[in-house]
Protein backbone atom coordinates (compact mmCIF):
# COMPACT_ATOMS: atom_id res chain seq x y z
CA UNK A 1 -6.26 -7.58 -10.68
CA UNK A 2 -4.81 -4.58 -12.48
CA UNK A 3 -4.47 -1.33 -10.60
CA UNK A 4 -6.62 1.57 -11.83
CA UNK A 5 -6.58 5.21 -10.80
CA UNK A 6 -9.35 4.54 -8.27
CA UNK A 7 -7.71 1.44 -6.77
CA UNK A 8 -4.35 3.24 -6.58
CA UNK A 9 -5.98 6.09 -4.65
CA UNK A 10 -7.68 3.62 -2.34
CA UNK A 11 -4.40 1.75 -1.81
CA UNK A 12 -2.66 5.03 -1.04
CA UNK A 13 -5.34 5.83 1.54
CA UNK A 14 -4.76 2.45 3.17
CA UNK A 15 -0.99 3.08 3.26
CA UNK A 16 -1.39 6.58 4.75
CA UNK A 17 -3.79 5.30 7.41
CA UNK A 18 -1.53 2.35 8.33
CA UNK A 19 1.47 4.66 8.65
CA UNK A 20 -0.50 7.20 10.69
CA UNK A 21 -1.27 4.38 13.13
CA UNK A 22 2.44 3.59 13.38
CA UNK A 23 1.97 0.12 11.91
CA UNK A 24 4.30 -1.70 9.57
CA UNK A 25 3.02 -3.86 6.73
CA UNK A 26 4.32 -6.85 8.70
CA UNK A 27 2.32 -5.90 11.80
CA UNK A 28 -0.87 -5.40 9.79
CA UNK A 29 -0.38 -8.67 7.94
CA UNK A 30 0.13 -10.54 11.24
CA UNK A 31 -2.99 -8.94 12.73
CA UNK A 32 -5.07 -10.05 9.74
CA UNK A 33 -3.39 -13.39 9.15
CA UNK A 34 -2.41 -12.59 5.56
CA UNK A 35 0.98 -12.21 3.89
CA UNK A 36 2.94 -8.94 3.91
CA UNK A 37 3.22 -9.01 0.09
CA UNK A 38 -0.61 -9.05 -0.02
CA UNK A 39 -0.68 -5.85 2.07
CA UNK A 40 1.92 -4.33 -0.25
CA UNK A 41 -0.13 -5.27 -3.31
CA UNK A 42 -3.23 -3.69 -1.80
CA UNK A 43 -1.36 -0.49 -0.99
CA UNK A 44 -0.32 -0.40 -4.64
CA UNK A 45 -3.92 -0.68 -5.83
CA UNK A 46 -4.14 -4.40 -6.51
CA UNK A 47 -6.92 -5.99 -4.48
CA UNK A 48 -7.67 -9.70 -4.50
CA UNK A 49 -11.23 -9.34 -3.29
CA UNK A 50 -13.66 -6.83 -1.93
CA UNK A 51 -13.99 -8.92 1.22
CA UNK A 52 -10.25 -8.64 1.91
CA UNK A 53 -10.32 -4.90 1.19
CA UNK A 54 -13.11 -4.40 3.71
CA UNK A 55 -11.29 -6.53 6.31
CA UNK A 56 -8.13 -4.45 5.95
CA UNK A 57 -10.07 -1.18 6.03
CA UNK A 58 -11.90 -2.28 9.19
CA UNK A 59 -8.65 -3.35 10.88
CA UNK A 60 -7.16 0.13 10.41
CA UNK A 61 -10.39 2.06 11.00
CA UNK A 62 -10.73 3.33 7.44
CA UNK A 63 -14.24 3.90 6.08
CA UNK A 64 -13.77 3.24 2.35
CA UNK A 65 -17.23 4.60 1.63
CA UNK A 66 -16.27 8.02 3.05
CA UNK A 67 -13.10 8.39 0.96
CA UNK A 68 -14.75 10.10 -2.03
CA UNK A 69 -16.27 12.69 0.31
CA UNK A 70 -12.96 13.18 2.12
CA UNK A 71 -11.16 13.66 -1.20
CA UNK A 72 -13.73 16.27 -2.30
CA UNK A 73 -13.36 18.14 0.97
CA UNK A 74 -9.56 18.04 0.65
CA UNK A 75 -9.81 19.52 -2.87
CA UNK A 76 -12.10 22.28 -1.59
CA UNK A 77 -9.65 23.13 1.20
CA UNK A 78 -6.72 23.19 -1.24
CA UNK A 79 -8.66 25.47 -3.59
CA UNK A 80 -9.55 27.81 -0.73
CA UNK A 81 -5.89 27.95 0.34
CA UNK A 82 -4.77 28.67 -3.22
CA UNK A 83 -7.36 31.43 -3.51
CA UNK A 84 -6.19 32.97 -0.23
CA UNK A 85 -2.56 32.88 -1.33
CA UNK A 86 -3.43 34.31 -4.72
CA UNK A 87 -5.54 37.06 -3.14
CA UNK A 88 -2.58 38.22 -1.09
CA UNK A 89 -0.64 38.53 -4.35
CA UNK A 90 -3.53 40.17 -6.22
CA UNK A 91 -4.19 37.13 -8.45
CA UNK A 92 -7.53 35.41 -8.95
CA UNK A 93 -7.68 31.62 -9.24
CA UNK A 94 -10.53 30.41 -11.44
CA UNK A 95 -10.80 26.70 -10.81
CA UNK A 96 -13.58 24.65 -9.39
CA UNK A 97 -13.13 22.23 -6.50
CA UNK A 98 -13.99 19.39 -8.90
CA UNK A 99 -11.01 20.04 -11.15
């Protein structure tokens, strides 16, 4: 499967979560009984199956259905921080959180 922007973002979320748990790809692969290269491929946005994706996400406690909401919230926080920084410099930022 070819990686797309969405699958790359999802893979990056899996990588960040695994690292935040202090796990190596090897440890995660052993826990799930799959190869380390398969974990690497997933973290790079190439998923073999939805079933495997959901198994990996469950193993690391990642709710893949909440990711779009989390990304939107992160954009809103970044925008608010940029606006605060700009306000202290007397500049107005005119972007939406969706952009």
